[in-house]
Amino acid sequence: MNKEWPLWEVFIRSKAGLHHQHVGSLHAADSEMALENARDVYTRRQEGVSIWVVQSNSIIASNPEENTSFFDPAEDKIYRHPTFYELPDELKHM
């Protein structure tokens, strides 16, 4: 019987309006414990306003060896990139 707790990935949002960033990993028995441990380990100096935890085995990633074919369809859709818009100075975190 495997008694090792699952590995959880931790994401912290440091300020309102910003995106969550991966800050590390930890082992925990369940999601509640993972969230509490993440708070205790990664926000000791009040660095965060929001925490996400997700089991590592639930994360699916693209294959770096297939980047050319995987991301190629987006290259011909320049309208999806906001390079044509000027943002006002008042708009922050974009």
Protein backbone atom coordinates (compact mmCIF):
# COMPACT_ATOMS: atom_id res chain seq x y z
CA MET A 1 0.00 0.00 0.00
CA ASN A 2 1.35 3.45 -1.02
CA LYS A 3 1.23 5.74 2.04
CA GLU A 4 2.86 8.75 0.37
CA TRP A 5 0.64 11.82 0.17
CA PRO A 6 -0.02 13.21 -3.32
CA LEU A 7 2.03 16.07 -4.69
CA TRP A 8 0.22 19.43 -5.08
CA GLU A 9 1.27 22.42 -7.19
CA VAL A 10 0.76 25.83 -5.57
CA PHE A 11 -0.20 29.04 -7.38
CA ILE A 12 -0.31 32.42 -5.61
CA ARG A 13 -1.83 35.71 -6.74
CA SER A 14 0.21 38.40 -5.04
CA LYS A 15 -2.15 41.36 -5.59
CA ALA A 16 -5.70 41.87 -6.76
CA GLY A 17 -5.81 42.16 -10.54
CA LEU A 18 -2.67 40.16 -11.17
CA HIS A 19 -2.52 36.55 -12.35
CA HIS A 20 -1.64 33.52 -10.27
CA GLN A 21 1.97 32.33 -10.50
CA HIS A 22 3.39 28.92 -9.71
CA VAL A 23 5.45 29.20 -6.53
CA GLY A 24 6.20 25.60 -5.66
CA SER A 25 4.96 22.18 -4.68
CA LEU A 26 4.07 20.33 -1.50
CA HIS A 27 2.70 17.00 -0.33
CA ALA A 28 -0.66 16.88 1.46
CA ALA A 29 -3.32 14.29 2.25
CA ASP A 30 -6.19 16.28 0.69
CA SER A 31 -7.07 19.62 -0.90
CA GLU A 32 -7.90 21.34 2.40
CA MET A 33 -4.57 20.36 3.91
CA ALA A 34 -2.79 21.41 0.72
CA LEU A 35 -4.44 24.83 0.82
CA GLU A 36 -3.61 25.38 4.49
CA ASN A 37 -0.03 24.17 4.06
CA ALA A 38 0.39 26.38 0.99
CA ARG A 39 -0.80 29.37 2.99
CA ASP A 40 1.63 28.57 5.83
CA VAL A 41 4.62 27.89 3.57
CA TYR A 42 4.21 30.36 0.70
CA THR A 43 2.47 33.40 2.24
CA ARG A 44 4.30 33.84 5.54
CA ARG A 45 5.05 37.48 4.75
CA GLN A 46 1.56 38.31 3.45
CA GLU A 47 2.63 37.86 -0.18
CA GLY A 48 -0.73 36.63 -1.42
CA VAL A 49 -4.39 37.49 -1.79
CA SER A 50 -5.42 34.18 -3.42
CA ILE A 51 -4.09 30.62 -3.48
CA TRP A 52 -4.80 27.79 -5.91
CA VAL A 53 -3.68 24.21 -5.31
CA VAL A 54 -3.98 21.39 -7.83
CA GLN A 55 -2.76 17.83 -7.70
CA SER A 56 0.29 17.44 -9.92
CA ASN A 57 -1.13 14.34 -11.59
CA SER A 58 -4.09 16.45 -12.84
CA ILE A 59 -1.89 18.82 -14.85
CA ILE A 60 -1.58 18.09 -18.55
CA ALA A 61 1.09 19.87 -20.57
CA SER A 62 1.97 20.19 -24.22
CA ASN A 63 5.00 18.32 -25.52
CA PRO A 64 7.94 20.71 -26.12
CA GLU A 65 9.10 18.51 -29.02
CA GLU A 66 5.81 19.23 -30.82
CA ASN A 67 5.77 23.01 -30.27
CA THR A 68 6.07 23.86 -33.96
CA SER A 69 3.04 21.87 -35.06
CA PHE A 70 1.05 22.45 -31.87
CA PHE A 71 1.32 26.26 -31.90
CA ASP A 72 1.53 26.76 -35.68
CA PRO A 73 -2.22 27.37 -36.22
CA ALA A 74 -2.08 30.54 -34.11
CA GLU A 75 0.60 32.25 -36.22
CA ASP A 76 -1.80 33.18 -39.04
CA LYS A 77 -4.35 34.77 -36.71
CA ILE A 78 -2.69 38.09 -35.90
CA TYR A 79 -6.06 39.59 -35.03
CA ARG A 80 -5.93 37.58 -31.80
CA HIS A 81 -2.99 39.62 -30.56
CA PRO A 82 -3.84 43.00 -29.01
CA THR A 83 -1.03 44.81 -30.82
CA PHE A 84 -3.46 47.04 -32.73
CA TYR A 85 -4.88 48.70 -29.62
CA GLU A 86 -3.52 51.54 -27.57
CA LEU A 87 -4.19 51.15 -23.88
CA PRO A 88 -4.85 54.16 -21.66
CA ASP A 89 -2.25 54.92 -19.01
CA GLU A 90 -4.86 54.36 -16.28
CA LEU A 91 -5.14 50.69 -17.24
CA LYS A 92 -2.75 48.64 -15.18
CA HIS A 93 -1.63 44.98 -15.17
CA MET A 94 -2.23 44.28 -18.87
